N, C-alpha and C. Protein backbone atom coordinates (compact mmCIF):
# COMPACT_ATOMS: atom_id res chain seq x y z
N UNK A 1 90.54 18.94 9.82
CA UNK A 1 90.82 17.83 8.95
C UNK A 1 89.64 17.36 8.25
N UNK A 2 89.74 16.96 6.98
CA UNK A 2 88.48 16.42 6.20
C UNK A 2 88.23 15.12 6.92
N UNK A 3 86.85 14.94 7.08
CA UNK A 3 86.29 13.71 7.63
C UNK A 3 86.53 12.49 6.78
N UNK A 4 86.46 12.76 5.42
CA UNK A 4 86.60 11.47 4.64
C UNK A 4 87.94 11.04 4.34
N UNK A 5 89.01 11.55 5.00
CA UNK A 5 90.34 11.26 4.69
C UNK A 5 90.67 10.73 6.15
N UNK A 6 91.68 9.51 6.06
CA UNK A 6 92.14 9.01 7.26
C UNK A 6 93.54 9.41 7.32
N UNK A 7 94.03 9.64 8.76
CA UNK A 7 95.28 10.00 9.16
C UNK A 7 96.31 8.71 8.66
N UNK A 8 97.79 9.12 8.71
CA UNK A 8 98.62 8.27 8.22
C UNK A 8 98.49 6.86 9.34
N UNK A 9 98.41 7.17 10.64
CA UNK A 9 98.32 6.13 11.64
C UNK A 9 97.38 5.10 11.28
N UNK A 10 96.01 5.63 10.91
CA UNK A 10 94.83 4.76 10.72
C UNK A 10 95.05 3.96 9.63
N UNK A 11 95.89 4.61 8.38
CA UNK A 11 96.04 3.86 7.27
C UNK A 11 96.86 2.67 7.49
N UNK A 12 97.98 2.74 8.41
CA UNK A 12 98.98 1.89 8.78
C UNK A 12 98.33 0.60 9.37
N UNK A 13 97.34 0.89 10.25
CA UNK A 13 96.80 0.01 11.18
C UNK A 13 95.58 -1.07 10.26
N UNK A 14 95.22 -0.51 9.10
CA UNK A 14 94.44 -1.18 8.39
C UNK A 14 95.11 -2.36 7.59
N UNK A 15 94.61 -3.65 7.65
CA UNK A 15 94.97 -4.65 6.86
C UNK A 15 94.91 -4.43 5.40
N UNK A 16 96.07 -5.15 4.75
CA UNK A 16 95.75 -5.00 3.21
C UNK A 16 94.87 -5.92 2.64
N UNK A 17 94.46 -5.85 1.80
CA UNK A 17 93.53 -6.70 0.94
C UNK A 17 94.10 -7.15 -0.44
N UNK A 18 93.51 -8.26 -0.82
CA UNK A 18 93.86 -8.93 -2.00
C UNK A 18 93.02 -8.37 -3.23
N UNK A 19 93.47 -7.36 -4.16
CA UNK A 19 92.88 -7.25 -5.55
C UNK A 19 93.31 -8.00 -6.73
N UNK A 20 92.44 -8.58 -7.31
CA UNK A 20 92.79 -9.45 -8.64
C UNK A 20 92.17 -8.79 -9.77
N UNK A 21 93.40 -8.42 -10.62
CA UNK A 21 92.87 -7.78 -12.01
C UNK A 21 93.68 -8.63 -13.00
N UNK A 22 93.06 -9.32 -13.95
CA UNK A 22 93.38 -9.79 -15.05
C UNK A 22 94.55 -10.97 -14.66
N UNK A 23 93.91 -11.71 -13.61
CA UNK A 23 94.72 -12.81 -13.07
C UNK A 23 95.98 -12.66 -12.21
N UNK A 24 96.22 -11.20 -11.90
CA UNK A 24 97.18 -10.93 -11.11
C UNK A 24 96.83 -10.49 -9.70
N UNK A 25 97.35 -10.80 -8.80
CA UNK A 25 97.10 -10.37 -7.42
C UNK A 25 98.01 -9.15 -6.83
N UNK A 26 97.24 -8.23 -6.16
CA UNK A 26 97.89 -7.04 -5.89
C UNK A 26 97.39 -6.94 -4.15
N UNK A 27 98.23 -6.34 -3.35
CA UNK A 27 97.96 -6.09 -2.00
C UNK A 27 97.80 -4.79 -2.06
N UNK A 28 96.55 -4.36 -1.44
CA UNK A 28 96.26 -2.79 -1.55
C UNK A 28 95.42 -2.45 -0.46
N UNK A 29 95.33 -1.30 -0.08
CA UNK A 29 94.13 -0.73 0.86
C UNK A 29 93.00 -0.26 0.10
N UNK A 30 92.00 -0.50 0.36
CA UNK A 30 90.66 -0.07 -0.28
C UNK A 30 90.25 1.04 0.21
N UNK A 31 89.82 2.01 -0.54
CA UNK A 31 89.14 3.24 -0.12
C UNK A 31 87.85 2.81 0.45
N UNK A 32 87.21 3.64 1.29
CA UNK A 32 85.90 3.60 1.98
C UNK A 32 84.91 3.47 0.68
N UNK A 33 85.25 4.57 -0.36
CA UNK A 33 84.27 4.64 -1.56
C UNK A 33 84.12 3.19 -2.28
N UNK A 34 85.40 2.62 -2.57
CA UNK A 34 85.48 1.36 -3.03
C UNK A 34 84.79 0.35 -2.38
N UNK A 35 84.95 0.09 -1.06
CA UNK A 35 84.38 -0.89 -0.38
C UNK A 35 82.80 -0.68 -0.25
N UNK A 36 82.28 0.38 -0.33
CA UNK A 36 80.94 0.69 -0.04
C UNK A 36 80.24 0.92 -1.51
N UNK A 37 80.95 0.50 -2.54
CA UNK A 37 80.37 0.66 -3.94
C UNK A 37 79.05 -0.22 -4.18
N UNK A 38 78.38 0.13 -4.94
CA UNK A 38 77.16 -0.88 -5.25
C UNK A 38 77.76 -2.15 -6.34
N UNK A 39 77.57 -3.29 -6.08
CA UNK A 39 78.24 -4.20 -6.85
C UNK A 39 77.19 -4.19 -8.23
N UNK A 40 77.93 -4.63 -9.16
CA UNK A 40 77.44 -4.85 -10.38
C UNK A 40 76.65 -6.27 -10.50
N UNK A 41 75.64 -5.99 -11.13
CA UNK A 41 74.63 -7.35 -11.31
C UNK A 41 74.21 -7.22 -12.92
N UNK A 42 74.17 -8.39 -13.55
CA UNK A 42 73.73 -8.43 -14.88
C UNK A 42 72.33 -7.93 -14.92
N UNK A 43 72.28 -6.80 -16.06
CA UNK A 43 70.84 -6.34 -16.22
C UNK A 43 69.96 -7.39 -16.67
N UNK A 44 68.65 -7.22 -16.19
CA UNK A 44 67.46 -8.16 -16.65
C UNK A 44 66.82 -7.27 -17.72
N UNK A 45 66.79 -8.00 -18.81
CA UNK A 45 66.17 -7.40 -19.90
C UNK A 45 64.75 -7.29 -19.95
N UNK A 46 64.26 -8.16 -18.91
CA UNK A 46 62.62 -8.16 -18.80
C UNK A 46 62.28 -6.87 -17.91
N UNK A 47 62.94 -6.20 -17.47
CA UNK A 47 62.66 -4.93 -16.38
C UNK A 47 63.16 -3.84 -17.33
N UNK A 48 62.21 -2.90 -17.47
CA UNK A 48 62.37 -1.55 -17.97
C UNK A 48 62.61 -0.62 -17.17
N UNK A 49 63.54 0.24 -16.87
CA UNK A 49 63.72 1.35 -15.90
C UNK A 49 63.66 2.63 -16.54
N UNK A 50 63.44 3.87 -15.70
CA UNK A 50 63.34 5.23 -16.39
C UNK A 50 64.92 5.54 -16.47
N UNK A 51 65.22 6.12 -17.48
CA UNK A 51 66.60 6.88 -17.77
C UNK A 51 66.65 8.21 -17.32
N UNK A 52 65.40 8.85 -17.27
CA UNK A 52 65.18 10.24 -16.94
C UNK A 52 64.32 10.41 -15.61
N UNK A 53 64.39 11.35 -14.77
CA UNK A 53 63.43 11.58 -13.80
C UNK A 53 62.16 12.58 -14.58
N UNK A 54 61.09 12.15 -14.20
CA UNK A 54 60.02 12.95 -14.80
C UNK A 54 58.74 12.44 -14.44
N UNK A 55 57.78 12.89 -15.43
CA UNK A 55 56.25 12.73 -14.84
C UNK A 55 55.58 12.02 -16.15
N UNK A 56 55.06 10.76 -15.74
CA UNK A 56 54.36 9.92 -16.93
C UNK A 56 53.07 10.73 -17.29
N UNK A 57 53.05 10.94 -18.71
CA UNK A 57 52.07 11.61 -19.22
C UNK A 57 51.09 10.60 -19.82
N UNK A 58 51.45 9.60 -20.48
CA UNK A 58 50.52 8.53 -21.04
C UNK A 58 51.02 7.16 -21.09
N UNK A 59 50.25 6.18 -20.63
CA UNK A 59 50.76 4.78 -20.68
C UNK A 59 49.91 4.02 -21.70
N UNK A 60 50.35 3.22 -22.57
CA UNK A 60 49.73 2.82 -23.69
C UNK A 60 49.08 1.39 -23.49
N UNK A 61 49.64 0.57 -22.51
CA UNK A 61 49.16 -0.93 -22.17
C UNK A 61 49.16 -1.13 -20.62
N UNK A 62 48.44 -1.85 -20.28
CA UNK A 62 48.45 -2.63 -18.91
C UNK A 62 48.95 -3.74 -18.65
N UNK A 63 48.99 -4.44 -17.42
CA UNK A 63 49.66 -5.80 -17.13
C UNK A 63 48.63 -6.63 -17.84
N UNK A 64 49.26 -7.66 -18.26
CA UNK A 64 48.35 -8.75 -18.89
C UNK A 64 48.43 -8.44 -20.45
N UNK A 65 48.62 -7.33 -21.04
CA UNK A 65 48.44 -7.10 -22.45
C UNK A 65 50.11 -7.75 -23.16
N UNK A 66 49.82 -8.12 -24.38
CA UNK A 66 50.67 -8.50 -25.18
C UNK A 66 51.03 -7.56 -26.32
N UNK A 67 52.46 -7.02 -26.33
CA UNK A 67 52.78 -6.01 -26.91
C UNK A 67 53.94 -6.45 -27.94
N UNK A 68 54.06 -5.73 -29.09
CA UNK A 68 54.97 -5.86 -30.25
C UNK A 68 56.09 -4.92 -30.09
N UNK A 69 57.30 -5.37 -30.67
CA UNK A 69 58.43 -4.37 -30.68
C UNK A 69 58.22 -3.25 -31.33
N UNK A 70 58.46 -2.00 -30.96
CA UNK A 70 58.21 -0.68 -31.75
C UNK A 70 56.96 -0.01 -31.29
N UNK A 71 56.07 -0.77 -30.61
CA UNK A 71 54.86 -0.23 -30.23
C UNK A 71 54.91 1.00 -29.30
N UNK A 72 54.13 1.91 -29.02
CA UNK A 72 54.41 3.14 -27.97
C UNK A 72 54.22 2.38 -26.71
N UNK A 73 55.02 2.67 -25.85
CA UNK A 73 55.05 2.01 -24.35
C UNK A 73 54.34 3.39 -23.48
N UNK A 74 55.17 4.63 -23.45
CA UNK A 74 54.65 5.43 -22.60
C UNK A 74 55.26 6.89 -23.15
N UNK A 75 54.58 7.90 -22.63
CA UNK A 75 55.25 9.23 -22.96
C UNK A 75 55.65 9.79 -21.46
N UNK A 76 56.97 10.27 -21.41
CA UNK A 76 57.44 10.83 -19.94
C UNK A 76 57.98 12.29 -20.25
N UNK A 77 57.50 13.10 -19.54
CA UNK A 77 57.87 14.61 -19.52
C UNK A 77 59.14 14.67 -18.58
N UNK A 78 60.05 15.10 -19.07
CA UNK A 78 61.30 15.45 -18.42
C UNK A 78 61.89 16.68 -18.91
N UNK A 79 62.49 17.65 -17.99
CA UNK A 79 62.81 18.66 -18.38
C UNK A 79 62.06 19.58 -19.37
N UNK A 80 60.86 19.81 -19.34
CA UNK A 80 59.75 20.37 -20.23
C UNK A 80 59.94 19.84 -21.66
N UNK A 81 60.39 18.72 -21.79
CA UNK A 81 60.23 17.93 -23.01
C UNK A 81 59.47 16.45 -22.95
N UNK A 82 58.64 16.08 -23.81
CA UNK A 82 58.10 15.04 -23.89
C UNK A 82 58.91 13.88 -24.67
N UNK A 83 59.24 12.85 -23.78
CA UNK A 83 60.18 11.60 -24.20
C UNK A 83 59.18 10.41 -24.57
N UNK A 84 59.24 10.01 -25.72
CA UNK A 84 58.50 8.94 -26.15
C UNK A 84 59.24 7.62 -25.84
N UNK A 85 58.77 6.62 -25.25
CA UNK A 85 59.28 5.48 -25.09
C UNK A 85 58.65 4.32 -25.79
N UNK A 86 59.35 3.41 -26.49
CA UNK A 86 58.75 2.36 -27.33
C UNK A 86 59.46 1.16 -26.78
N UNK A 87 58.49 -0.03 -26.92
CA UNK A 87 58.77 -1.45 -26.38
C UNK A 87 59.98 -1.84 -27.15
N UNK A 88 61.13 -2.29 -26.48
CA UNK A 88 62.46 -2.80 -27.20
C UNK A 88 62.12 -4.17 -27.94
N UNK A 89 61.11 -4.96 -27.37
CA UNK A 89 61.03 -6.50 -27.79
C UNK A 89 59.54 -6.83 -27.56
N UNK A 90 59.14 -7.81 -28.39
CA UNK A 90 57.68 -8.16 -28.13
C UNK A 90 57.64 -9.11 -26.80
N UNK A 91 56.36 -9.15 -26.30
CA UNK A 91 56.27 -10.14 -25.24
C UNK A 91 54.95 -9.61 -24.44
N UNK A 92 54.64 -10.29 -23.31
CA UNK A 92 53.62 -10.03 -22.60
C UNK A 92 53.97 -9.23 -21.36
N UNK A 93 53.31 -8.26 -21.00
CA UNK A 93 53.57 -7.28 -19.69
C UNK A 93 53.11 -8.08 -18.52
N UNK A 94 53.99 -8.36 -17.54
CA UNK A 94 53.65 -9.14 -16.37
C UNK A 94 53.05 -7.88 -15.45
N UNK A 95 53.67 -6.73 -15.24
CA UNK A 95 53.34 -5.75 -14.53
C UNK A 95 53.79 -4.33 -14.82
N UNK A 96 52.66 -3.35 -14.80
CA UNK A 96 53.20 -2.07 -15.14
C UNK A 96 53.00 -1.06 -13.73
N UNK A 97 54.21 -0.77 -13.31
CA UNK A 97 54.41 -0.05 -12.15
C UNK A 97 54.08 1.52 -12.21
N UNK A 98 53.86 2.06 -13.33
CA UNK A 98 53.45 3.42 -13.36
C UNK A 98 52.01 3.86 -14.03
N UNK A 99 51.60 4.86 -14.03
CA UNK A 99 50.32 5.29 -14.34
C UNK A 99 50.44 6.81 -14.67
N UNK A 100 49.66 7.23 -15.59
CA UNK A 100 49.64 8.97 -15.91
C UNK A 100 49.50 9.52 -14.63
N UNK A 101 50.31 10.66 -14.76
CA UNK A 101 50.61 11.61 -13.34
C UNK A 101 51.54 11.12 -12.55
N UNK A 102 52.25 9.92 -12.47
CA UNK A 102 53.08 9.45 -11.38
C UNK A 102 54.48 10.42 -11.73
N UNK A 103 55.08 10.84 -10.66
CA UNK A 103 56.54 11.28 -10.77
C UNK A 103 57.55 10.14 -10.70
N UNK A 104 58.34 9.99 -11.58
CA UNK A 104 59.34 8.77 -11.31
C UNK A 104 60.71 9.34 -11.39
N UNK A 105 61.59 8.58 -10.40
CA UNK A 105 62.93 9.16 -10.30
C UNK A 105 63.82 8.48 -11.40
N UNK A 106 65.17 8.69 -11.69
CA UNK A 106 65.94 8.03 -12.72
C UNK A 106 66.16 6.85 -12.09
N UNK A 107 66.12 5.62 -12.82
CA UNK A 107 66.39 4.30 -12.37
C UNK A 107 65.19 3.67 -11.72
N UNK A 108 64.00 4.26 -11.85
CA UNK A 108 62.68 3.51 -11.21
C UNK A 108 62.25 2.43 -12.09
N UNK A 109 61.77 1.35 -11.67
CA UNK A 109 61.14 0.09 -12.34
C UNK A 109 60.01 0.54 -12.90
N UNK A 110 59.69 0.70 -14.40
CA UNK A 110 58.58 1.00 -14.92
C UNK A 110 57.73 0.07 -15.07
N UNK A 111 58.31 -1.08 -15.61
CA UNK A 111 57.38 -2.30 -16.15
C UNK A 111 58.21 -3.58 -16.38
N UNK A 112 57.54 -4.68 -16.05
CA UNK A 112 58.36 -5.86 -16.15
C UNK A 112 57.48 -6.87 -17.21
N UNK A 113 58.32 -7.48 -18.23
CA UNK A 113 57.79 -8.38 -19.12
C UNK A 113 57.89 -9.74 -18.09
N UNK A 114 56.89 -10.88 -18.73
CA UNK A 114 56.85 -12.13 -18.27
C UNK A 114 58.06 -12.93 -18.68
């Protein structure tokens, strides 16, 4: 038997939960995947995350620097290609969490605006 699937008796013993969709209530069983999902949070525009895993080759500014929209932020090598990142808006850098030579995974916090 697959460890991820529950038997019919185990399903019968689980209480039904209320799911609200567009104002309508439904009684249902939640899957383990649904119950253990990562909850959605509104993205914070002041935090810049990596969209690819890779190695940081160049960082153009440090914490405390003021930057303009469209300026070079950094160069990240991913899959043997150099990806150039530009600042999405003007502001002051609160913290730079990467430096040249760092290997970053996807979703890594690279910098934060004030």
